[in-house]
């Protein structure tokens, strides 16, 4: 990126690997929270995430955005919608991992870029290049093959992919930073989540205090597990190009897939391998097209001796700011 030193670029890459690595390894964490059910884990994740991000915002003293948001009802409504959609995404993902569907959950994040492209065409009237049309077509074929392989549509994958793509669209319109956005969304989630936990405790169904201090600490750590990768991603986003982040984003579902097959020993019959192979082919087409497009729009900077500096390059030719909504898991 223009004006970024090698040291800064290296720091950005390390933070990028850390963020996507943590998102990729998170299936190892959710089973540790048993015997808590998916709903209880989800509620704790909402409550403790807000606690964590408020502490982070107090540290950096960054609050001006909150007042601006409250004065804009349309943006506030989009935050509420984003909070509802990510609640579905988080809940389905936690349930899928703890119910033995890690591989199918990883598929959701593999096909998420394809769903995002399809939503761009249908909702934003975007025009696709031939390679992108080909990738979407291959992705649809993969869903058909996987439906045959599973004996049903891969609804977990589709739910994760569509909810995450919708979430990304909402966050793009709200245009808040990663930590600020998470603070706003978890503030919306906090009251119903806390109400559910109090109700659960009153009816003897809470595991927060009944399973020992270690279990309670792990439930509280859900806020840390949610927010820390986002902080690392934010550090990476300002230091490395969007094209690099686009490649790094595939680390998370790759790690999840490997964990599902190797660590959790989930079944992978030939039809599922074929479906995943088609998905990977579609992602390969998208990646090659994105890299080719990035090379085509690269700006040649004229020497400062003729009055041009890197800062005078047209805004449209610079790397756009990455959307943190596209990576949150």
C-alpha atoms as a PDB file:
ATOM      1  CA  UNK A   1       0.000   0.000   0.000  1.00  0.00           C
ATOM      2  CA  UNK A   2       1.284   3.511  -0.751  1.00  0.00           C
ATOM      3  CA  UNK A   3       3.263   4.945   2.156  1.00  0.00           C
ATOM      4  CA  UNK A   4       3.483   1.615   4.016  1.00  0.00           C
ATOM      5  CA  UNK A   5       6.973   0.503   5.073  1.00  0.00           C
ATOM      6  CA  UNK A   6       8.166  -3.079   4.924  1.00  0.00           C
ATOM      7  CA  UNK A   7       7.957  -3.294   8.702  1.00  0.00           C
ATOM      8  CA  UNK A   8       4.375  -2.043   8.701  1.00  0.00           C
ATOM      9  CA  UNK A   9       3.477  -4.452   5.909  1.00  0.00           C
ATOM     10  CA  UNK A  10       5.001  -7.341   7.874  1.00  0.00           C
ATOM     11  CA  UNK A  11       3.038  -6.290  10.963  1.00  0.00           C
ATOM     12  CA  UNK A  12      -0.118  -6.181   8.875  1.00  0.00           C
ATOM     13  CA  UNK A  13       0.472  -9.662   7.502  1.00  0.00           C
ATOM     14  CA  UNK A  14       1.101 -11.068  10.988  1.00  0.00           C
ATOM     15  CA  UNK A  15      -2.113  -9.504  12.256  1.00  0.00           C
ATOM     16  CA  UNK A  16      -3.976 -10.825   9.215  1.00  0.00           C
ATOM     17  CA  UNK A  17      -2.696 -14.350   9.798  1.00  0.00           C
ATOM     18  CA  UNK A  18      -3.563 -14.032  13.499  1.00  0.00           C
ATOM     19  CA  UNK A  19      -7.119 -12.837  12.777  1.00  0.00           C
ATOM     20  CA  UNK A  20      -7.964 -15.474  10.187  1.00  0.00           C
ATOM     21  CA  UNK A  21      -6.086 -18.132  12.140  1.00  0.00           C
ATOM     22  CA  UNK A  22      -8.185 -17.462  15.228  1.00  0.00           C
ATOM     23  CA  UNK A  23     -11.392 -17.501  13.180  1.00  0.00           C
ATOM     24  CA  UNK A  24     -10.248 -20.760  11.605  1.00  0.00           C
ATOM     25  CA  UNK A  25      -9.458 -22.433  14.925  1.00  0.00           C
ATOM     26  CA  UNK A  26     -12.566 -21.254  16.791  1.00  0.00           C
ATOM     27  CA  UNK A  27     -14.316 -24.658  16.293  1.00  0.00           C
ATOM     28  CA  UNK A  28     -11.912 -25.952  18.943  1.00  0.00           C
ATOM     29  CA  UNK A  29     -13.301 -23.452  21.463  1.00  0.00           C
ATOM     30  CA  UNK A  30     -17.082 -23.905  21.309  1.00  0.00           C
ATOM     31  CA  UNK A  31     -17.081 -27.596  22.423  1.00  0.00           C
ATOM     32  CA  UNK A  32     -15.184 -26.544  25.567  1.00  0.00           C
ATOM     33  CA  UNK A  33     -18.314 -24.719  26.687  1.00  0.00           C
ATOM     34  CA  UNK A  34     -20.450 -27.853  26.987  1.00  0.00           C
ATOM     35  CA  UNK A  35     -22.726 -28.722  28.751  1.00  0.00           C
ATOM     36  CA  UNK A  36     -23.994 -25.218  27.942  1.00  0.00           C
ATOM     37  CA  UNK A  37     -26.341 -25.311  24.962  1.00  0.00           C
ATOM     38  CA  UNK A  38     -25.987 -23.233  21.831  1.00  0.00           C
ATOM     39  CA  UNK A  39     -28.545 -20.638  22.996  1.00  0.00           C
ATOM     40  CA  UNK A  40     -26.809 -20.106  26.333  1.00  0.00           C
ATOM     41  CA  UNK A  41     -23.398 -19.815  24.642  1.00  0.00           C
ATOM     42  CA  UNK A  42     -24.839 -17.363  22.125  1.00  0.00           C
ATOM     43  CA  UNK A  43     -26.334 -15.187  24.877  1.00  0.00           C
ATOM     44  CA  UNK A  44     -23.057 -15.138  26.799  1.00  0.00           C
ATOM     45  CA  UNK A  45     -21.213 -14.234  23.597  1.00  0.00           C
ATOM     46  CA  UNK A  46     -23.472 -11.215  23.132  1.00  0.00           C
ATOM     47  CA  UNK A  47     -23.194 -10.026  26.737  1.00  0.00           C
ATOM     48  CA  UNK A  48     -19.446 -10.471  27.170  1.00  0.00           C
ATOM     49  CA  UNK A  49     -18.629  -9.091  23.725  1.00  0.00           C
ATOM     50  CA  UNK A  50     -20.232  -5.799  24.733  1.00  0.00           C
ATOM     51  CA  UNK A  51     -18.232  -5.777  27.970  1.00  0.00           C
ATOM     52  CA  UNK A  52     -15.006  -6.357  26.039  1.00  0.00           C
ATOM     53  CA  UNK A  53     -15.576  -3.723  23.354  1.00  0.00           C
ATOM     54  CA  UNK A  54     -16.690  -1.101  25.901  1.00  0.00           C
ATOM     55  CA  UNK A  55     -13.413  -1.703  27.760  1.00  0.00           C
ATOM     56  CA  UNK A  56     -11.529  -1.307  24.465  1.00  0.00           C
ATOM     57  CA  UNK A  57     -13.365   1.907  23.593  1.00  0.00           C
ATOM     58  CA  UNK A  58     -12.723   3.320  27.079  1.00  0.00           C
ATOM     59  CA  UNK A  59      -9.032   2.621  26.547  1.00  0.00           C
ATOM     60  CA  UNK A  60      -8.848   4.401  23.175  1.00  0.00           C
ATOM     61  CA  UNK A  61     -11.432   7.061  24.176  1.00  0.00           C
ATOM     62  CA  UNK A  62     -13.367   6.813  20.941  1.00  0.00           C
ATOM     63  CA  UNK A  63     -17.030   7.694  21.497  1.00  0.00           C
ATOM     64  CA  UNK A  64     -17.930  10.434  18.992  1.00  0.00           C
ATOM     65  CA  UNK A  65     -19.398   7.866  16.585  1.00  0.00           C
ATOM     66  CA  UNK A  66     -22.083   6.836  19.131  1.00  0.00           C
ATOM     67  CA  UNK A  67     -23.672  10.277  19.274  1.00  0.00           C
ATOM     68  CA  UNK A  68     -23.622  10.586  15.495  1.00  0.00           C
ATOM     69  CA  UNK A  69     -25.250   7.171  15.138  1.00  0.00           C
ATOM     70  CA  UNK A  70     -28.056   7.982  17.580  1.00  0.00           C
ATOM     71  CA  UNK A  71     -28.880  11.098  15.564  1.00  0.00           C
ATOM     72  CA  UNK A  72     -29.322   9.080  12.353  1.00  0.00           C
ATOM     73  CA  UNK A  73     -32.407   6.810  12.618  1.00  0.00           C
ATOM     74  CA  UNK A  74     -31.786   5.134   9.249  1.00  0.00           C
ATOM     75  CA  UNK A  75     -28.257   4.036  10.184  1.00  0.00           C
ATOM     76  CA  UNK A  76     -29.499   2.974  13.614  1.00  0.00           C
ATOM     77  CA  UNK A  77     -32.179   0.810  11.994  1.00  0.00           C
ATOM     78  CA  UNK A  78     -29.513  -0.811   9.832  1.00  0.00           C
ATOM     79  CA  UNK A  79     -27.452  -1.549  12.959  1.00  0.00           C
ATOM     80  CA  UNK A  80     -30.488  -3.251  14.531  1.00  0.00           C
ATOM     81  CA  UNK A  81     -30.971  -5.315  11.365  1.00  0.00           C
ATOM     82  CA  UNK A  82     -27.273  -6.206  11.274  1.00  0.00           C
ATOM     83  CA  UNK A  83     -27.460  -7.287  14.930  1.00  0.00           C
ATOM     84  CA  UNK A  84     -30.442  -9.543  14.164  1.00  0.00           C
ATOM     85  CA  UNK A  85     -28.719 -11.131  11.168  1.00  0.00           C
ATOM     86  CA  UNK A  86     -25.408 -11.761  12.942  1.00  0.00           C
ATOM     87  CA  UNK A  87     -27.355 -13.274  15.850  1.00  0.00           C
ATOM     88  CA  UNK A  88     -28.695 -15.888  13.434  1.00  0.00           C
ATOM     89  CA  UNK A  89     -25.199 -16.417  12.001  1.00  0.00           C
ATOM     90  CA  UNK A  90     -23.540 -16.835  15.393  1.00  0.00           C
ATOM     91  CA  UNK A  91     -26.281 -19.103  16.709  1.00  0.00           C
ATOM     92  CA  UNK A  92     -26.279 -21.434  13.709  1.00  0.00           C
ATOM     93  CA  UNK A  93     -22.476 -21.608  13.687  1.00  0.00           C
ATOM     94  CA  UNK A  94     -22.201 -22.475  17.404  1.00  0.00           C
ATOM     95  CA  UNK A  95     -24.943 -25.080  17.092  1.00  0.00           C
ATOM     96  CA  UNK A  96     -23.346 -26.564  13.950  1.00  0.00           C
ATOM     97  CA  UNK A  97     -19.907 -26.931  15.537  1.00  0.00           C
ATOM     98  CA  UNK A  98     -21.215 -28.462  18.768  1.00  0.00           C
ATOM     99  CA  UNK A  99     -23.528 -30.793  16.822  1.00  0.00           C
ATOM    100  CA  UNK A 100     -20.792 -32.286  14.630  1.00  0.00           C
ATOM    101  CA  UNK A 101     -21.240 -30.216  11.463  1.00  0.00           C
ATOM    102  CA  UNK A 102     -17.894 -28.389  11.315  1.00  0.00           C
ATOM    103  CA  UNK A 103     -17.288 -29.301   7.660  1.00  0.00           C
ATOM    104  CA  UNK A 104     -20.704 -28.081   6.565  1.00  0.00           C
ATOM    105  CA  UNK A 105     -20.172 -24.885   8.559  1.00  0.00           C
ATOM    106  CA  UNK A 106     -16.831 -24.304   6.819  1.00  0.00           C
ATOM    107  CA  UNK A 107     -18.607 -24.667   3.483  1.00  0.00           C
ATOM    108  CA  UNK A 108     -20.773 -21.682   4.404  1.00  0.00           C
ATOM    109  CA  UNK A 109     -17.733 -19.423   4.519  1.00  0.00           C
ATOM    110  CA  UNK A 110     -16.299 -20.929   1.340  1.00  0.00           C
ATOM    111  CA  UNK A 111     -19.447 -20.064  -0.620  1.00  0.00           C
ATOM    112  CA  UNK A 112     -19.989 -16.698   1.106  1.00  0.00           C
ATOM    113  CA  UNK A 113     -18.081 -14.759  -1.619  1.00  0.00           C
ATOM    114  CA  UNK A 114     -20.316 -16.340  -4.268  1.00  0.00           C
ATOM    115  CA  UNK A 115     -23.456 -15.400  -2.350  1.00  0.00           C
ATOM    116  CA  UNK A 116     -22.131 -11.860  -1.900  1.00  0.00           C
ATOM    117  CA  UNK A 117     -21.609 -11.564  -5.665  1.00  0.00           C
ATOM    118  CA  UNK A 118     -25.117 -12.910  -6.363  1.00  0.00           C
ATOM    119  CA  UNK A 119     -26.613 -10.391  -3.917  1.00  0.00           C
ATOM    120  CA  UNK A 120     -24.671  -7.608  -5.629  1.00  0.00           C
ATOM    121  CA  UNK A 121     -26.293  -8.547  -8.935  1.00  0.00           C
ATOM    122  CA  UNK A 122     -29.821  -9.009  -7.571  1.00  0.00           C
ATOM    123  CA  UNK A 123     -29.965  -6.155  -5.051  1.00  0.00           C
ATOM    124  CA  UNK A 124     -27.403  -3.607  -6.219  1.00  0.00           C
ATOM    125  CA  UNK A 125     -27.725  -4.238  -9.980  1.00  0.00           C
ATOM    126  CA  UNK A 126     -23.984  -4.804 -10.292  1.00  0.00           C
ATOM    127  CA  UNK A 127     -22.561  -6.118 -13.563  1.00  0.00           C
ATOM    128  CA  UNK A 128     -20.346  -9.193 -13.493  1.00  0.00           C
ATOM    129  CA  UNK A 129     -17.388 -10.120 -15.630  1.00  0.00           C
ATOM    130  CA  UNK A 130     -17.397 -13.457 -17.440  1.00  0.00           C
ATOM    131  CA  UNK A 131     -15.141 -15.123 -14.871  1.00  0.00           C
ATOM    132  CA  UNK A 132     -17.480 -14.042 -12.074  1.00  0.00           C
ATOM    133  CA  UNK A 133     -20.516 -15.452 -13.923  1.00  0.00           C
ATOM    134  CA  UNK A 134     -18.600 -18.692 -14.412  1.00  0.00           C
ATOM    135  CA  UNK A 135     -17.732 -18.827 -10.695  1.00  0.00           C
ATOM    136  CA  UNK A 136     -21.375 -18.321  -9.686  1.00  0.00           C
ATOM    137  CA  UNK A 137     -22.488 -21.036 -12.117  1.00  0.00           C
ATOM    138  CA  UNK A 138     -19.897 -23.475 -10.747  1.00  0.00           C
ATOM    139  CA  UNK A 139     -20.994 -22.572  -7.221  1.00  0.00           C
ATOM    140  CA  UNK A 140     -24.627 -23.389  -8.031  1.00  0.00           C
ATOM    141  CA  UNK A 141     -23.511 -26.720  -9.486  1.00  0.00           C
ATOM    142  CA  UNK A 142     -21.613 -27.383  -6.250  1.00  0.00           C
ATOM    143  CA  UNK A 143     -24.760 -26.802  -4.180  1.00  0.00           C
ATOM    144  CA  UNK A 144     -26.648 -29.301  -6.368  1.00  0.00           C
ATOM    145  CA  UNK A 145     -23.889 -31.908  -5.969  1.00  0.00           C
ATOM    146  CA  UNK A 146     -23.735 -31.345  -2.204  1.00  0.00           C
ATOM    147  CA  UNK A 147     -27.522 -31.631  -1.945  1.00  0.00           C
ATOM    148  CA  UNK A 148     -27.218 -35.082  -3.511  1.00  0.00           C
ATOM    149  CA  UNK A 149     -24.280 -35.921  -1.246  1.00  0.00           C
ATOM    150  CA  UNK A 150     -26.029 -34.883   1.977  1.00  0.00           C
ATOM    151  CA  UNK A 151     -29.429 -36.161   0.900  1.00  0.00           C
ATOM    152  CA  UNK A 152     -30.765 -32.663   1.616  1.00  0.00           C
ATOM    153  CA  UNK A 153     -29.767 -29.085   0.784  1.00  0.00           C
ATOM    154  CA  UNK A 154     -26.707 -27.991   2.829  1.00  0.00           C
ATOM    155  CA  UNK A 155     -28.948 -25.669   4.829  1.00  0.00           C
ATOM    156  CA  UNK A 156     -26.330 -24.944   7.511  1.00  0.00           C
ATOM    157  CA  UNK A 157     -23.884 -23.716   4.855  1.00  0.00           C
ATOM    158  CA  UNK A 158     -26.549 -21.739   3.017  1.00  0.00           C
ATOM    159  CA  UNK A 159     -27.852 -20.140   6.214  1.00  0.00           C
ATOM    160  CA  UNK A 160     -24.331 -19.100   7.268  1.00  0.00           C
ATOM    161  CA  UNK A 161     -23.449 -17.813   3.806  1.00  0.00           C
ATOM    162  CA  UNK A 162     -26.653 -15.820   3.243  1.00  0.00           C
ATOM    163  CA  UNK A 163     -26.774 -14.398   6.773  1.00  0.00           C
ATOM    164  CA  UNK A 164     -23.128 -13.350   6.592  1.00  0.00           C
ATOM    165  CA  UNK A 165     -23.528 -11.815   3.142  1.00  0.00           C
ATOM    166  CA  UNK A 166     -26.580  -9.878   4.355  1.00  0.00           C
ATOM    167  CA  UNK A 167     -24.655  -8.789   7.421  1.00  0.00           C
ATOM    168  CA  UNK A 168     -21.840  -7.545   5.214  1.00  0.00           C
ATOM    169  CA  UNK A 169     -24.287  -5.542   3.110  1.00  0.00           C
ATOM    170  CA  UNK A 170     -25.803  -3.926   6.220  1.00  0.00           C
ATOM    171  CA  UNK A 171     -22.396  -3.043   7.674  1.00  0.00           C
ATOM    172  CA  UNK A 172     -21.271  -1.574   4.388  1.00  0.00           C
ATOM    173  CA  UNK A 173     -24.230   0.795   4.464  1.00  0.00           C
ATOM    174  CA  UNK A 174     -23.702   1.702   8.146  1.00  0.00           C
ATOM    175  CA  UNK A 175     -19.983   2.388   7.520  1.00  0.00           C
ATOM    176  CA  UNK A 176     -18.669   2.008  11.075  1.00  0.00           C
ATOM    177  CA  UNK A 177     -15.262   0.694  12.095  1.00  0.00           C
ATOM    178  CA  UNK A 178     -14.934  -2.906  13.260  1.00  0.00           C
ATOM    179  CA  UNK A 179     -14.842  -2.327  17.037  1.00  0.00           C
ATOM    180  CA  UNK A 180     -17.431   0.471  16.890  1.00  0.00           C
ATOM    181  CA  UNK A 181     -19.746  -1.664  14.790  1.00  0.00           C
ATOM    182  CA  UNK A 182     -19.422  -4.613  17.152  1.00  0.00           C
ATOM    183  CA  UNK A 183     -20.145  -2.289  20.094  1.00  0.00           C
ATOM    184  CA  UNK A 184     -23.310  -0.968  18.438  1.00  0.00           C
ATOM    185  CA  UNK A 185     -24.557  -4.431  17.473  1.00  0.00           C
ATOM    186  CA  UNK A 186     -23.874  -6.042  20.845  1.00  0.00           C
ATOM    187  CA  UNK A 187     -25.549  -3.076  22.548  1.00  0.00           C
ATOM    188  CA  UNK A 188     -28.690  -4.012  20.598  1.00  0.00           C
ATOM    189  CA  UNK A 189     -28.240  -7.683  21.533  1.00  0.00           C
ATOM    190  CA  UNK A 190     -27.376  -7.053  25.185  1.00  0.00           C
ATOM    191  CA  UNK A 191     -30.803  -6.601  26.780  1.00  0.00           C
ATOM    192  CA  UNK A 192     -32.517  -9.647  25.191  1.00  0.00           C
ATOM    193  CA  UNK A 193     -29.389 -11.756  25.768  1.00  0.00           C
ATOM    194  CA  UNK A 194     -29.127 -10.753  29.432  1.00  0.00           C
ATOM    195  CA  UNK A 195     -32.878 -11.259  29.846  1.00  0.00           C
ATOM    196  CA  UNK A 196     -32.575 -14.783  28.455  1.00  0.00           C
ATOM    197  CA  UNK A 197     -29.661 -15.615  30.777  1.00  0.00           C
ATOM    198  CA  UNK A 198     -31.596 -14.338  33.814  1.00  0.00           C
ATOM    199  CA  UNK A 199     -34.651 -16.357  32.752  1.00  0.00           C
ATOM    200  CA  UNK A 200     -32.471 -19.443  32.242  1.00  0.00           C
ATOM    201  CA  UNK A 201     -30.921 -19.019  35.689  1.00  0.00           C
ATOM    202  CA  UNK A 202     -34.327 -18.538  37.336  1.00  0.00           C
ATOM    203  CA  UNK A 203     -35.520 -21.820  35.821  1.00  0.00           C
ATOM    204  CA  UNK A 204     -32.410 -23.764  36.842  1.00  0.00           C
ATOM    205  CA  UNK A 205     -31.102 -24.154  33.302  1.00  0.00           C
ATOM    206  CA  UNK A 206     -27.985 -21.973  33.524  1.00  0.00           C
ATOM    207  CA  UNK A 207     -24.561 -23.599  33.599  1.00  0.00           C
ATOM    208  CA  UNK A 208     -22.653 -20.358  34.308  1.00  0.00           C
ATOM    209  CA  UNK A 209     -22.366 -20.950  38.064  1.00  0.00           C
ATOM    210  CA  UNK A 210     -23.357 -24.612  38.343  1.00  0.00           C
ATOM    211  CA  UNK A 211     -20.398 -26.114  36.437  1.00  0.00           C
ATOM    212  CA  UNK A 212     -17.527 -24.527  38.350  1.00  0.00           C
ATOM    213  CA  UNK A 213     -15.424 -21.398  38.070  1.00  0.00           C
ATOM    214  CA  UNK A 214     -13.488 -22.679  35.049  1.00  0.00           C
ATOM    215  CA  UNK A 215     -16.662 -23.152  33.034  1.00  0.00           C
ATOM    216  CA  UNK A 216     -17.901 -19.701  34.005  1.00  0.00           C
ATOM    217  CA  UNK A 217     -14.570 -18.188  32.967  1.00  0.00           C
ATOM    218  CA  UNK A 218     -14.773 -19.908  29.579  1.00  0.00           C
ATOM    219  CA  UNK A 219     -18.276 -18.533  29.005  1.00  0.00           C
ATOM    220  CA  UNK A 220     -17.023 -15.046  29.894  1.00  0.00           C
ATOM    221  CA  UNK A 221     -14.114 -15.546  27.475  1.00  0.00           C
ATOM    222  CA  UNK A 222     -16.567 -15.679  24.558  1.00  0.00           C
ATOM    223  CA  UNK A 223     -16.348 -11.872  24.446  1.00  0.00           C
ATOM    224  CA  UNK A 224     -12.566 -12.024  24.166  1.00  0.00           C
ATOM    225  CA  UNK A 225     -12.747 -14.749  21.504  1.00  0.00           C
ATOM    226  CA  UNK A 226     -15.217 -12.655  19.513  1.00  0.00           C
ATOM    227  CA  UNK A 227     -13.441  -9.300  19.687  1.00  0.00           C
ATOM    228  CA  UNK A 228      -9.706 -10.126  19.611  1.00  0.00           C
ATOM    229  CA  UNK A 229      -9.632 -11.412  15.992  1.00  0.00           C
ATOM    230  CA  UNK A 230     -11.517  -8.294  14.932  1.00  0.00           C
ATOM    231  CA  UNK A 231      -8.881  -6.089  16.570  1.00  0.00           C
ATOM    232  CA  UNK A 232      -6.135  -8.000  14.726  1.00  0.00           C
ATOM    233  CA  UNK A 233      -8.058  -7.680  11.475  1.00  0.00           C
ATOM    234  CA  UNK A 234      -8.359  -3.938  11.978  1.00  0.00           C
ATOM    235  CA  UNK A 235      -4.592  -3.723  12.421  1.00  0.00           C
ATOM    236  CA  UNK A 236      -4.101  -5.720   9.207  1.00  0.00           C
ATOM    237  CA  UNK A 237      -6.655  -3.798   7.158  1.00  0.00           C
ATOM    238  CA  UNK A 238      -4.758  -0.507   7.382  1.00  0.00           C
ATOM    239  CA  UNK A 239      -1.390  -2.051   6.524  1.00  0.00           C
ATOM    240  CA  UNK A 240      -1.906  -4.534   3.690  1.00  0.00           C
ATOM    241  CA  UNK A 241      -3.730  -4.267   0.333  1.00  0.00           C
ATOM    242  CA  UNK A 242      -7.298  -5.464  -0.059  1.00  0.00           C
ATOM    243  CA  UNK A 243      -6.131  -8.090  -2.557  1.00  0.00           C
ATOM    244  CA  UNK A 244      -3.920  -9.631   0.142  1.00  0.00           C
ATOM    245  CA  UNK A 245      -6.758  -9.676   2.664  1.00  0.00           C
ATOM    246  CA  UNK A 246      -8.947 -11.259  -0.008  1.00  0.00           C
ATOM    247  CA  UNK A 247      -6.537 -14.171  -0.224  1.00  0.00           C
ATOM    248  CA  UNK A 248      -6.034 -14.436   3.539  1.00  0.00           C
ATOM    249  CA  UNK A 249      -9.803 -14.721   4.133  1.00  0.00           C
ATOM    250  CA  UNK A 250      -9.768 -18.277   2.782  1.00  0.00           C
ATOM    251  CA  UNK A 251      -7.494 -19.380   5.647  1.00  0.00           C
ATOM    252  CA  UNK A 252     -10.408 -19.488   8.109  1.00  0.00           C
ATOM    253  CA  UNK A 253     -12.669 -21.941   6.216  1.00  0.00           C
ATOM    254  CA  UNK A 254      -9.614 -24.001   5.191  1.00  0.00           C
ATOM    255  CA  UNK A 255      -8.625 -24.425   8.847  1.00  0.00           C
ATOM    256  CA  UNK A 256     -12.230 -25.211   9.772  1.00  0.00           C
ATOM    257  CA  UNK A 257     -12.502 -27.791   6.998  1.00  0.00           C
ATOM    258  CA  UNK A 258      -9.251 -29.497   8.027  1.00  0.00           C
ATOM    259  CA  UNK A 259     -10.355 -29.557  11.660  1.00  0.00           C
ATOM    260  CA  UNK A 260     -13.700 -31.081  10.674  1.00  0.00           C
ATOM    261  CA  UNK A 261     -12.094 -33.877   8.662  1.00  0.00           C
ATOM    262  CA  UNK A 262      -8.889 -34.549  10.621  1.00  0.00           C
ATOM    263  CA  UNK A 263      -9.701 -33.616  14.227  1.00  0.00           C
ATOM    264  CA  UNK A 264     -13.469 -34.154  14.481  1.00  0.00           C
ATOM    265  CA  UNK A 265     -13.405 -37.100  12.007  1.00  0.00           C
ATOM    266  CA  UNK A 266     -16.502 -36.018  10.102  1.00  0.00           C
ATOM    267  CA  UNK A 267     -17.538 -38.147   7.141  1.00  0.00           C
ATOM    268  CA  UNK A 268     -16.544 -37.025   3.631  1.00  0.00           C
ATOM    269  CA  UNK A 269     -18.055 -39.404   1.041  1.00  0.00           C
ATOM    270  CA  UNK A 270     -17.128 -38.940  -2.652  1.00  0.00           C
ATOM    271  CA  UNK A 271     -20.145 -36.733  -3.459  1.00  0.00           C
ATOM    272  CA  UNK A 272     -19.134 -34.240  -0.763  1.00  0.00           C
ATOM    273  CA  UNK A 273     -15.548 -34.169  -2.002  1.00  0.00           C
ATOM    274  CA  UNK A 274     -16.892 -33.470  -5.482  1.00  0.00           C
ATOM    275  CA  UNK A 275     -19.076 -30.643  -4.181  1.00  0.00           C
ATOM    276  CA  UNK A 276     -16.213 -29.068  -2.258  1.00  0.00           C
ATOM    277  CA  UNK A 277     -13.946 -29.416  -5.299  1.00  0.00           C
ATOM    278  CA  UNK A 278     -16.462 -27.426  -7.354  1.00  0.00           C
ATOM    279  CA  UNK A 279     -16.629 -24.744  -4.666  1.00  0.00           C
ATOM    280  CA  UNK A 280     -12.839 -24.494  -4.614  1.00  0.00           C
ATOM    281  CA  UNK A 281     -12.814 -24.258  -8.416  1.00  0.00           C
ATOM    282  CA  UNK A 282     -15.303 -21.385  -8.230  1.00  0.00           C
ATOM    283  CA  UNK A 283     -13.169 -19.607  -5.633  1.00  0.00           C
ATOM    284  CA  UNK A 284     -10.107 -20.142  -7.818  1.00  0.00           C
ATOM    285  CA  UNK A 285     -11.895 -18.444 -10.722  1.00  0.00           C
ATOM    286  CA  UNK A 286     -12.883 -15.535  -8.479  1.00  0.00           C
ATOM    287  CA  UNK A 287      -9.382 -15.137  -7.070  1.00  0.00           C
ATOM    288  CA  UNK A 288      -7.709 -15.234 -10.490  1.00  0.00           C
ATOM    289  CA  UNK A 289     -10.204 -12.691 -11.825  1.00  0.00           C
ATOM    290  CA  UNK A 290      -9.700 -10.391  -8.823  1.00  0.00           C
ATOM    291  CA  UNK A 291      -5.914 -10.504  -9.168  1.00  0.00           C
ATOM    292  CA  UNK A 292      -6.131  -9.854 -12.902  1.00  0.00           C
ATOM    293  CA  UNK A 293      -8.479  -6.923 -12.283  1.00  0.00           C
ATOM    294  CA  UNK A 294      -6.176  -5.516  -9.572  1.00  0.00           C
ATOM    295  CA  UNK A 295      -3.200  -5.620 -11.950  1.00  0.00           C
ATOM    296  CA  UNK A 296      -5.259  -3.913 -14.648  1.00  0.00           C
ATOM    297  CA  UNK A 297      -6.195  -0.977 -12.396  1.00  0.00           C
ATOM    298  CA  UNK A 298      -2.764  -0.486 -10.840  1.00  0.00           C
ATOM    299  CA  UNK A 299      -1.549   3.093 -11.120  1.00  0.00           C
ATOM    300  CA  UNK A 300       1.935   3.985 -12.356  1.00  0.00           C
ATOM    301  CA  UNK A 301       3.128   6.858 -10.152  1.00  0.00           C
ATOM    302  CA  UNK A 302       5.042   9.607 -11.956  1.00  0.00           C
ATOM    303  CA  UNK A 303       8.284  10.852 -10.444  1.00  0.00           C
ATOM    304  CA  UNK A 304       7.887  13.701  -7.921  1.00  0.00           C
ATOM    305  CA  UNK A 305      10.288  15.698 -10.077  1.00  0.00           C
ATOM    306  CA  UNK A 306       7.417  16.455 -12.471  1.00  0.00           C
ATOM    307  CA  UNK A 307       5.073  17.501  -9.688  1.00  0.00           C
ATOM    308  CA  UNK A 308       3.218  14.263  -8.973  1.00  0.00           C
ATOM    309  CA  UNK A 309       3.232  12.384  -5.669  1.00  0.00           C
ATOM    310  CA  UNK A 310       1.639   9.091  -4.619  1.00  0.00           C
ATOM    311  CA  UNK A 311      -1.021  11.091  -2.765  1.00  0.00           C
ATOM    312  CA  UNK A 312      -2.140  12.690  -6.021  1.00  0.00           C
ATOM    313  CA  UNK A 313      -3.190   9.378  -7.565  1.00  0.00           C
ATOM    314  CA  UNK A 314      -6.943   9.186  -8.275  1.00  0.00           C
ATOM    315  CA  UNK A 315      -8.946   7.835  -5.345  1.00  0.00           C
ATOM    316  CA  UNK A 316     -10.610   5.216  -7.541  1.00  0.00           C
ATOM    317  CA  UNK A 317      -7.234   3.639  -8.293  1.00  0.00           C
ATOM    318  CA  UNK A 318      -6.259   3.161  -4.680  1.00  0.00           C
ATOM    319  CA  UNK A 319      -7.021   0.059  -2.653  1.00  0.00           C
ATOM    320  CA  UNK A 320     -10.478   0.481  -1.129  1.00  0.00           C
ATOM    321  CA  UNK A 321     -10.831   0.138   2.619  1.00  0.00           C
ATOM    322  CA  UNK A 322     -11.593  -3.498   3.531  1.00  0.00           C
ATOM    323  CA  UNK A 323     -15.015  -4.190   4.949  1.00  0.00           C
ATOM    324  CA  UNK A 324     -14.653  -5.856   8.374  1.00  0.00           C
ATOM    325  CA  UNK A 325     -18.121  -7.255   8.023  1.00  0.00           C
ATOM    326  CA  UNK A 326     -16.907  -9.652   5.388  1.00  0.00           C
ATOM    327  CA  UNK A 327     -14.657 -11.544   7.806  1.00  0.00           C
ATOM    328  CA  UNK A 328     -16.272 -11.672  11.145  1.00  0.00           C
ATOM    329  CA  UNK A 329     -17.091 -15.249  12.108  1.00  0.00           C
END
